[in-house]
């Protein structure tokens, strides 16, 4: 198998930063946190050279080079729910299946929403698209392995964790506001974000991991292998559907996703 690390020609240029598109997308996604398409548009419009740095790091890692040469489809693996259901109880794959079923998610649904924006704003080079798409498909696996839920605090914690892994510009803009304003409505939010930042720095680099092989392994073993540490306990908060601000999850009402 050829595992030669791809190199970038000097003529290659990263997608340019588009602040106006990012601003419009941010406003729309702030109004509707479940608007995946505009959330992705906000991130990709600000990527610029950050995506190229991630690609180069992926290629420079022997595991990333092997993945790029072999081109496995993580999307196909995560979409095969019949196969996931056969994996051992307590495995990453079973836990992922339980998570996406409970939250009404699917890997294919995420890919479809983000692909619209990728075709508009992302690099069209096949190698770079493979890396970007693979990282996209990991998103809910990162939820499961880190233990951060899909409530607003959990999503912000995953953003803090992900920033240390990917250095995404859009995440760098979101985090100071999240850190400044959420503590008053959600006590403990700042500690959660600081912990997520530390966990992301301490963890192995997740983009180059062989997630297909990890799916059958016990979830606790995967967390240990990736140096994620224990999952945090925190009170979940959701967007107030009747106005601004956050609402704490109560034991009297069923969990909501966002």
C-alpha atoms as a PDB file:
ATOM      1  CA  UNK A   1       0.000   0.000   0.000  1.00  0.00           C
ATOM      2  CA  UNK A   2       1.295   3.435  -0.864  1.00  0.00           C
ATOM      3  CA  UNK A   3       1.481   5.618   2.237  1.00  0.00           C
ATOM      4  CA  UNK A   4       3.500   8.464   0.767  1.00  0.00           C
ATOM      5  CA  UNK A   5       2.709  11.704   2.565  1.00  0.00           C
ATOM      6  CA  UNK A   6       1.133  14.181   0.154  1.00  0.00           C
ATOM      7  CA  UNK A   7       2.911  17.474  -0.265  1.00  0.00           C
ATOM      8  CA  UNK A   8       1.450  20.872  -0.990  1.00  0.00           C
ATOM      9  CA  UNK A   9       2.550  22.728  -4.099  1.00  0.00           C
ATOM     10  CA  UNK A  10       3.364  26.401  -3.658  1.00  0.00           C
ATOM     11  CA  UNK A  11       0.524  27.269  -6.022  1.00  0.00           C
ATOM     12  CA  UNK A  12      -2.078  25.824  -3.646  1.00  0.00           C
ATOM     13  CA  UNK A  13      -4.124  28.497  -1.910  1.00  0.00           C
ATOM     14  CA  UNK A  14      -6.408  28.070   1.079  1.00  0.00           C
ATOM     15  CA  UNK A  15     -10.011  29.277   0.815  1.00  0.00           C
ATOM     16  CA  UNK A  16     -10.200  32.947   1.691  1.00  0.00           C
ATOM     17  CA  UNK A  17     -11.852  34.209   4.869  1.00  0.00           C
ATOM     18  CA  UNK A  18     -15.372  35.568   4.262  1.00  0.00           C
ATOM     19  CA  UNK A  19     -16.364  37.643   7.308  1.00  0.00           C
ATOM     20  CA  UNK A  20     -19.709  38.886   5.944  1.00  0.00           C
ATOM     21  CA  UNK A  21     -20.906  35.368   5.190  1.00  0.00           C
ATOM     22  CA  UNK A  22     -19.686  34.300   8.635  1.00  0.00           C
ATOM     23  CA  UNK A  23     -21.563  37.121  10.378  1.00  0.00           C
ATOM     24  CA  UNK A  24     -24.858  36.348   8.638  1.00  0.00           C
ATOM     25  CA  UNK A  25     -24.475  32.641   9.381  1.00  0.00           C
ATOM     26  CA  UNK A  26     -23.651  33.329  13.026  1.00  0.00           C
ATOM     27  CA  UNK A  27     -26.793  35.420  13.514  1.00  0.00           C
ATOM     28  CA  UNK A  28     -28.961  32.730  11.941  1.00  0.00           C
ATOM     29  CA  UNK A  29     -27.422  29.895  13.927  1.00  0.00           C
ATOM     30  CA  UNK A  30     -27.667  31.919  17.156  1.00  0.00           C
ATOM     31  CA  UNK A  31     -31.405  32.215  16.581  1.00  0.00           C
ATOM     32  CA  UNK A  32     -31.657  28.487  15.950  1.00  0.00           C
ATOM     33  CA  UNK A  33     -28.879  26.387  17.548  1.00  0.00           C
ATOM     34  CA  UNK A  34     -30.058  23.343  15.581  1.00  0.00           C
ATOM     35  CA  UNK A  35     -29.389  25.075  12.252  1.00  0.00           C
ATOM     36  CA  UNK A  36     -26.474  22.821  11.310  1.00  0.00           C
ATOM     37  CA  UNK A  37     -26.049  24.303   7.856  1.00  0.00           C
ATOM     38  CA  UNK A  38     -25.504  27.866   9.070  1.00  0.00           C
ATOM     39  CA  UNK A  39     -23.362  26.668  11.958  1.00  0.00           C
ATOM     40  CA  UNK A  40     -21.105  24.983   9.411  1.00  0.00           C
ATOM     41  CA  UNK A  41     -21.188  28.073   7.181  1.00  0.00           C
ATOM     42  CA  UNK A  42     -19.998  30.218  10.091  1.00  0.00           C
ATOM     43  CA  UNK A  43     -17.080  27.859  10.750  1.00  0.00           C
ATOM     44  CA  UNK A  44     -16.023  27.354   7.133  1.00  0.00           C
ATOM     45  CA  UNK A  45     -16.305  31.018   6.169  1.00  0.00           C
ATOM     46  CA  UNK A  46     -13.618  31.802   8.748  1.00  0.00           C
ATOM     47  CA  UNK A  47     -11.342  28.791   8.228  1.00  0.00           C
ATOM     48  CA  UNK A  48      -8.812  30.274   5.834  1.00  0.00           C
ATOM     49  CA  UNK A  49      -5.349  28.801   6.391  1.00  0.00           C
ATOM     50  CA  UNK A  50      -6.448  26.944   9.556  1.00  0.00           C
ATOM     51  CA  UNK A  51      -7.831  24.101   7.460  1.00  0.00           C
ATOM     52  CA  UNK A  52      -4.524  23.836   5.596  1.00  0.00           C
ATOM     53  CA  UNK A  53      -2.576  23.556   8.848  1.00  0.00           C
ATOM     54  CA  UNK A  54      -4.855  20.742   9.988  1.00  0.00           C
ATOM     55  CA  UNK A  55      -4.420  18.987   6.646  1.00  0.00           C
ATOM     56  CA  UNK A  56      -0.630  19.264   6.795  1.00  0.00           C
ATOM     57  CA  UNK A  57      -0.546  17.910  10.340  1.00  0.00           C
ATOM     58  CA  UNK A  58      -2.800  15.024   9.281  1.00  0.00           C
ATOM     59  CA  UNK A  59      -0.492  14.168   6.371  1.00  0.00           C
ATOM     60  CA  UNK A  60       2.664  14.439   8.480  1.00  0.00           C
ATOM     61  CA  UNK A  61       1.375  11.848  10.943  1.00  0.00           C
ATOM     62  CA  UNK A  62       2.015   8.256   9.740  1.00  0.00           C
ATOM     63  CA  UNK A  63      -1.492   7.256  10.833  1.00  0.00           C
ATOM     64  CA  UNK A  64      -2.994  10.109   8.856  1.00  0.00           C
ATOM     65  CA  UNK A  65      -0.913   9.224   5.812  1.00  0.00           C
ATOM     66  CA  UNK A  66      -2.179   5.636   5.971  1.00  0.00           C
ATOM     67  CA  UNK A  67      -5.771   6.809   6.235  1.00  0.00           C
ATOM     68  CA  UNK A  68      -5.331   9.154   3.304  1.00  0.00           C
ATOM     69  CA  UNK A  69      -3.891   6.356   1.199  1.00  0.00           C
ATOM     70  CA  UNK A  70      -6.546   3.791   2.181  1.00  0.00           C
ATOM     71  CA  UNK A  71      -9.530   6.212   2.060  1.00  0.00           C
ATOM     72  CA  UNK A  72     -11.803   4.354   4.541  1.00  0.00           C
ATOM     73  CA  UNK A  73     -15.335   5.726   4.829  1.00  0.00           C
ATOM     74  CA  UNK A  74     -16.084   6.601   8.431  1.00  0.00           C
ATOM     75  CA  UNK A  75     -19.460   7.888   7.247  1.00  0.00           C
ATOM     76  CA  UNK A  76     -20.387   4.465   5.879  1.00  0.00           C
ATOM     77  CA  UNK A  77     -19.261   2.771   9.090  1.00  0.00           C
ATOM     78  CA  UNK A  78     -21.314   5.105  11.287  1.00  0.00           C
ATOM     79  CA  UNK A  79     -24.354   4.820   9.012  1.00  0.00           C
ATOM     80  CA  UNK A  80     -24.492   1.022   9.277  1.00  0.00           C
ATOM     81  CA  UNK A  81     -26.751   0.802  12.308  1.00  0.00           C
ATOM     82  CA  UNK A  82     -27.346  -2.917  11.878  1.00  0.00           C
ATOM     83  CA  UNK A  83     -23.622  -3.517  12.279  1.00  0.00           C
ATOM     84  CA  UNK A  84     -23.302  -1.075  15.182  1.00  0.00           C
ATOM     85  CA  UNK A  85     -26.096  -2.947  16.968  1.00  0.00           C
ATOM     86  CA  UNK A  86     -24.026  -6.148  16.871  1.00  0.00           C
ATOM     87  CA  UNK A  87     -21.058  -4.595  18.666  1.00  0.00           C
ATOM     88  CA  UNK A  88     -20.485  -5.481  22.335  1.00  0.00           C
ATOM     89  CA  UNK A  89     -22.472  -3.732  25.045  1.00  0.00           C
ATOM     90  CA  UNK A  90     -20.494  -0.826  26.451  1.00  0.00           C
ATOM     91  CA  UNK A  91     -18.427  -0.454  23.293  1.00  0.00           C
ATOM     92  CA  UNK A  92     -17.862   2.877  21.601  1.00  0.00           C
ATOM     93  CA  UNK A  93     -20.003   1.743  18.659  1.00  0.00           C
ATOM     94  CA  UNK A  94     -22.932   0.723  20.849  1.00  0.00           C
ATOM     95  CA  UNK A  95     -22.656   3.935  22.870  1.00  0.00           C
ATOM     96  CA  UNK A  96     -22.568   5.976  19.657  1.00  0.00           C
ATOM     97  CA  UNK A  97     -25.667   4.171  18.361  1.00  0.00           C
ATOM     98  CA  UNK A  98     -27.519   4.841  21.613  1.00  0.00           C
ATOM     99  CA  UNK A  99     -26.490   8.510  21.476  1.00  0.00           C
ATOM    100  CA  UNK A 100     -27.612   9.218  17.903  1.00  0.00           C
ATOM    101  CA  UNK A 101     -30.833   7.234  18.390  1.00  0.00           C
ATOM    102  CA  UNK A 102     -31.703   9.114  21.572  1.00  0.00           C
ATOM    103  CA  UNK A 103     -30.896  12.496  20.044  1.00  0.00           C
ATOM    104  CA  UNK A 104     -32.558  11.824  16.679  1.00  0.00           C
ATOM    105  CA  UNK A 105     -29.286  12.245  14.775  1.00  0.00           C
ATOM    106  CA  UNK A 106     -27.542  10.485  11.935  1.00  0.00           C
ATOM    107  CA  UNK A 107     -24.087  10.674  10.416  1.00  0.00           C
ATOM    108  CA  UNK A 108     -25.654  10.942   6.970  1.00  0.00           C
ATOM    109  CA  UNK A 109     -27.863  13.838   8.075  1.00  0.00           C
ATOM    110  CA  UNK A 110     -24.891  15.775   9.395  1.00  0.00           C
ATOM    111  CA  UNK A 111     -22.917  15.075   6.227  1.00  0.00           C
ATOM    112  CA  UNK A 112     -25.783  16.213   3.995  1.00  0.00           C
ATOM    113  CA  UNK A 113     -26.210  19.501   5.870  1.00  0.00           C
ATOM    114  CA  UNK A 114     -22.506  20.303   5.936  1.00  0.00           C
ATOM    115  CA  UNK A 115     -21.823  19.158   2.355  1.00  0.00           C
ATOM    116  CA  UNK A 116     -24.001  21.982   1.028  1.00  0.00           C
ATOM    117  CA  UNK A 117     -21.683  24.483   2.696  1.00  0.00           C
ATOM    118  CA  UNK A 118     -18.503  22.571   1.819  1.00  0.00           C
ATOM    119  CA  UNK A 119     -19.403  22.782  -1.863  1.00  0.00           C
ATOM    120  CA  UNK A 120     -19.788  26.533  -1.419  1.00  0.00           C
ATOM    121  CA  UNK A 121     -16.812  27.423   0.787  1.00  0.00           C
ATOM    122  CA  UNK A 122     -14.408  24.522   1.343  1.00  0.00           C
ATOM    123  CA  UNK A 123     -11.318  23.470  -0.581  1.00  0.00           C
ATOM    124  CA  UNK A 124     -12.237  21.292  -3.565  1.00  0.00           C
ATOM    125  CA  UNK A 125      -8.972  19.313  -3.593  1.00  0.00           C
ATOM    126  CA  UNK A 126      -9.920  15.611  -3.100  1.00  0.00           C
ATOM    127  CA  UNK A 127      -7.254  14.916  -0.472  1.00  0.00           C
ATOM    128  CA  UNK A 128      -8.201  17.939   1.585  1.00  0.00           C
ATOM    129  CA  UNK A 129     -11.901  17.161   1.274  1.00  0.00           C
ATOM    130  CA  UNK A 130     -11.265  13.617   2.506  1.00  0.00           C
ATOM    131  CA  UNK A 131      -9.558  14.928   5.645  1.00  0.00           C
ATOM    132  CA  UNK A 132     -12.192  17.624   6.250  1.00  0.00           C
ATOM    133  CA  UNK A 133     -15.068  15.190   5.710  1.00  0.00           C
ATOM    134  CA  UNK A 134     -13.526  12.619   8.030  1.00  0.00           C
ATOM    135  CA  UNK A 135     -13.189  15.210  10.797  1.00  0.00           C
ATOM    136  CA  UNK A 136     -16.800  16.268  10.156  1.00  0.00           C
ATOM    137  CA  UNK A 137     -17.981  12.676  10.544  1.00  0.00           C
ATOM    138  CA  UNK A 138     -16.180  12.366  13.903  1.00  0.00           C
ATOM    139  CA  UNK A 139     -18.262  15.088  15.552  1.00  0.00           C
ATOM    140  CA  UNK A 140     -20.758  12.896  17.378  1.00  0.00           C
ATOM    141  CA  UNK A 141     -18.048  10.368  18.237  1.00  0.00           C
ATOM    142  CA  UNK A 142     -16.310  13.218  20.043  1.00  0.00           C
ATOM    143  CA  UNK A 143     -19.547  13.914  21.948  1.00  0.00           C
ATOM    144  CA  UNK A 144     -19.647  10.291  23.071  1.00  0.00           C
ATOM    145  CA  UNK A 145     -15.982   9.909  23.976  1.00  0.00           C
ATOM    146  CA  UNK A 146     -15.705  13.243  25.828  1.00  0.00           C
ATOM    147  CA  UNK A 147     -19.038  12.851  27.610  1.00  0.00           C
ATOM    148  CA  UNK A 148     -20.243  16.335  26.633  1.00  0.00           C
ATOM    149  CA  UNK A 149     -23.973  16.202  25.837  1.00  0.00           C
ATOM    150  CA  UNK A 150     -25.910  18.169  23.225  1.00  0.00           C
ATOM    151  CA  UNK A 151     -27.214  20.782  25.644  1.00  0.00           C
ATOM    152  CA  UNK A 152     -25.798  24.265  25.118  1.00  0.00           C
ATOM    153  CA  UNK A 153     -23.132  23.915  27.802  1.00  0.00           C
ATOM    154  CA  UNK A 154     -22.115  20.545  26.411  1.00  0.00           C
ATOM    155  CA  UNK A 155     -21.814  21.955  22.908  1.00  0.00           C
ATOM    156  CA  UNK A 156     -19.723  24.868  24.188  1.00  0.00           C
ATOM    157  CA  UNK A 157     -17.490  22.488  26.124  1.00  0.00           C
ATOM    158  CA  UNK A 158     -16.978  20.414  22.992  1.00  0.00           C
ATOM    159  CA  UNK A 159     -16.102  23.608  21.116  1.00  0.00           C
ATOM    160  CA  UNK A 160     -13.452  24.396  23.758  1.00  0.00           C
ATOM    161  CA  UNK A 161     -12.118  20.843  23.513  1.00  0.00           C
ATOM    162  CA  UNK A 162     -12.192  20.924  19.699  1.00  0.00           C
ATOM    163  CA  UNK A 163     -10.403  24.261  19.497  1.00  0.00           C
ATOM    164  CA  UNK A 164      -7.336  22.825  21.198  1.00  0.00           C
ATOM    165  CA  UNK A 165      -7.382  19.967  18.670  1.00  0.00           C
ATOM    166  CA  UNK A 166      -8.128  21.904  15.477  1.00  0.00           C
ATOM    167  CA  UNK A 167      -7.424  25.615  16.166  1.00  0.00           C
ATOM    168  CA  UNK A 168     -10.634  26.554  14.395  1.00  0.00           C
ATOM    169  CA  UNK A 169     -10.935  30.348  14.063  1.00  0.00           C
ATOM    170  CA  UNK A 170     -14.704  30.426  14.571  1.00  0.00           C
ATOM    171  CA  UNK A 171     -14.338  28.556  17.853  1.00  0.00           C
ATOM    172  CA  UNK A 172     -11.769  31.099  19.017  1.00  0.00           C
ATOM    173  CA  UNK A 173     -14.378  33.839  18.547  1.00  0.00           C
ATOM    174  CA  UNK A 174     -17.174  31.989  20.331  1.00  0.00           C
ATOM    175  CA  UNK A 175     -15.310  30.904  23.447  1.00  0.00           C
ATOM    176  CA  UNK A 176     -14.543  34.305  25.060  1.00  0.00           C
ATOM    177  CA  UNK A 177     -18.231  35.280  24.885  1.00  0.00           C
ATOM    178  CA  UNK A 178     -19.303  31.889  26.207  1.00  0.00           C
ATOM    179  CA  UNK A 179     -16.833  32.199  29.059  1.00  0.00           C
ATOM    180  CA  UNK A 180     -17.901  35.759  29.897  1.00  0.00           C
ATOM    181  CA  UNK A 181     -21.669  35.460  29.842  1.00  0.00           C
ATOM    182  CA  UNK A 182     -22.826  31.940  30.680  1.00  0.00           C
ATOM    183  CA  UNK A 183     -21.638  31.774  34.294  1.00  0.00           C
ATOM    184  CA  UNK A 184     -24.434  34.020  35.574  1.00  0.00           C
ATOM    185  CA  UNK A 185     -27.167  31.840  34.120  1.00  0.00           C
ATOM    186  CA  UNK A 186     -25.358  28.515  34.348  1.00  0.00           C
ATOM    187  CA  UNK A 187     -23.116  28.297  37.437  1.00  0.00           C
ATOM    188  CA  UNK A 188     -20.158  26.040  36.773  1.00  0.00           C
ATOM    189  CA  UNK A 189     -19.967  26.875  33.072  1.00  0.00           C
ATOM    190  CA  UNK A 190     -16.529  28.454  33.302  1.00  0.00           C
ATOM    191  CA  UNK A 191     -15.068  25.491  35.162  1.00  0.00           C
ATOM    192  CA  UNK A 192     -16.547  23.175  32.551  1.00  0.00           C
ATOM    193  CA  UNK A 193     -14.979  25.173  29.699  1.00  0.00           C
ATOM    194  CA  UNK A 194     -11.595  25.321  31.416  1.00  0.00           C
ATOM    195  CA  UNK A 195     -11.727  21.585  31.976  1.00  0.00           C
ATOM    196  CA  UNK A 196     -12.637  20.969  28.335  1.00  0.00           C
ATOM    197  CA  UNK A 197      -9.681  23.095  27.233  1.00  0.00           C
ATOM    198  CA  UNK A 198      -7.308  21.133  29.463  1.00  0.00           C
ATOM    199  CA  UNK A 199      -8.709  17.791  28.284  1.00  0.00           C
ATOM    200  CA  UNK A 200      -8.291  18.774  24.644  1.00  0.00           C
ATOM    201  CA  UNK A 201      -4.656  19.702  25.221  1.00  0.00           C
ATOM    202  CA  UNK A 202      -3.928  16.501  27.140  1.00  0.00           C
ATOM    203  CA  UNK A 203      -5.690  14.179  24.679  1.00  0.00           C
ATOM    204  CA  UNK A 204      -4.078  12.460  21.755  1.00  0.00           C
ATOM    205  CA  UNK A 205      -4.752  14.097  18.393  1.00  0.00           C
ATOM    206  CA  UNK A 206      -8.162  12.686  17.506  1.00  0.00           C
ATOM    207  CA  UNK A 207      -8.291  13.368  13.732  1.00  0.00           C
ATOM    208  CA  UNK A 208      -5.702  10.660  12.955  1.00  0.00           C
ATOM    209  CA  UNK A 209      -7.188   7.947  15.174  1.00  0.00           C
ATOM    210  CA  UNK A 210      -8.497   4.739  13.593  1.00  0.00           C
ATOM    211  CA  UNK A 211     -12.098   5.261  14.657  1.00  0.00           C
ATOM    212  CA  UNK A 212     -13.319   2.301  12.631  1.00  0.00           C
ATOM    213  CA  UNK A 213     -11.171  -0.028  14.760  1.00  0.00           C
ATOM    214  CA  UNK A 214     -12.091   1.753  18.000  1.00  0.00           C
ATOM    215  CA  UNK A 215     -15.844   1.245  17.532  1.00  0.00           C
ATOM    216  CA  UNK A 216     -15.709  -2.332  18.827  1.00  0.00           C
ATOM    217  CA  UNK A 217     -13.569  -1.464  21.873  1.00  0.00           C
ATOM    218  CA  UNK A 218     -15.044  -0.720  25.324  1.00  0.00           C
ATOM    219  CA  UNK A 219     -15.796   2.979  25.682  1.00  0.00           C
ATOM    220  CA  UNK A 220     -13.769   3.307  28.905  1.00  0.00           C
ATOM    221  CA  UNK A 221     -10.799   1.705  27.172  1.00  0.00           C
ATOM    222  CA  UNK A 222     -11.107   4.148  24.258  1.00  0.00           C
ATOM    223  CA  UNK A 223     -11.168   7.082  26.658  1.00  0.00           C
ATOM    224  CA  UNK A 224      -8.047   5.803  28.402  1.00  0.00           C
ATOM    225  CA  UNK A 225      -6.287   5.120  25.101  1.00  0.00           C
ATOM    226  CA  UNK A 226      -7.003   8.647  23.872  1.00  0.00           C
ATOM    227  CA  UNK A 227      -5.957  10.224  27.208  1.00  0.00           C
ATOM    228  CA  UNK A 228      -9.366  11.847  27.684  1.00  0.00           C
ATOM    229  CA  UNK A 229      -9.580  11.318  31.434  1.00  0.00           C
ATOM    230  CA  UNK A 230     -12.830  10.922  33.357  1.00  0.00           C
ATOM    231  CA  UNK A 231     -16.037  12.405  31.963  1.00  0.00           C
ATOM    232  CA  UNK A 232     -17.183  15.535  33.780  1.00  0.00           C
ATOM    233  CA  UNK A 233     -20.437  15.748  35.693  1.00  0.00           C
ATOM    234  CA  UNK A 234     -22.311  18.976  35.029  1.00  0.00           C
ATOM    235  CA  UNK A 235     -25.816  20.394  35.055  1.00  0.00           C
ATOM    236  CA  UNK A 236     -27.264  20.572  31.573  1.00  0.00           C
ATOM    237  CA  UNK A 237     -28.725  23.841  30.303  1.00  0.00           C
ATOM    238  CA  UNK A 238     -30.860  24.498  27.248  1.00  0.00           C
ATOM    239  CA  UNK A 239     -31.977  27.535  25.301  1.00  0.00           C
ATOM    240  CA  UNK A 240     -35.115  29.117  26.720  1.00  0.00           C
ATOM    241  CA  UNK A 241     -37.782  28.521  24.032  1.00  0.00           C
ATOM    242  CA  UNK A 242     -39.838  31.438  25.373  1.00  0.00           C
ATOM    243  CA  UNK A 243     -37.131  34.080  25.197  1.00  0.00           C
ATOM    244  CA  UNK A 244     -33.464  34.793  25.820  1.00  0.00           C
ATOM    245  CA  UNK A 245     -31.259  32.976  28.246  1.00  0.00           C
ATOM    246  CA  UNK A 246     -30.813  29.439  29.457  1.00  0.00           C
ATOM    247  CA  UNK A 247     -32.973  26.978  31.326  1.00  0.00           C
ATOM    248  CA  UNK A 248     -31.632  24.212  33.525  1.00  0.00           C
ATOM    249  CA  UNK A 249     -32.769  20.682  32.822  1.00  0.00           C
ATOM    250  CA  UNK A 250     -35.158  19.425  35.477  1.00  0.00           C
ATOM    251  CA  UNK A 251     -35.930  15.914  36.638  1.00  0.00           C
ATOM    252  CA  UNK A 252     -39.611  16.529  35.992  1.00  0.00           C
ATOM    253  CA  UNK A 253     -39.213  17.052  32.260  1.00  0.00           C
ATOM    254  CA  UNK A 254     -37.607  14.779  29.643  1.00  0.00           C
ATOM    255  CA  UNK A 255     -34.175  15.773  28.328  1.00  0.00           C
ATOM    256  CA  UNK A 256     -34.100  18.065  25.313  1.00  0.00           C
ATOM    257  CA  UNK A 257     -31.399  18.158  22.695  1.00  0.00           C
ATOM    258  CA  UNK A 258     -30.889  21.894  22.241  1.00  0.00           C
END
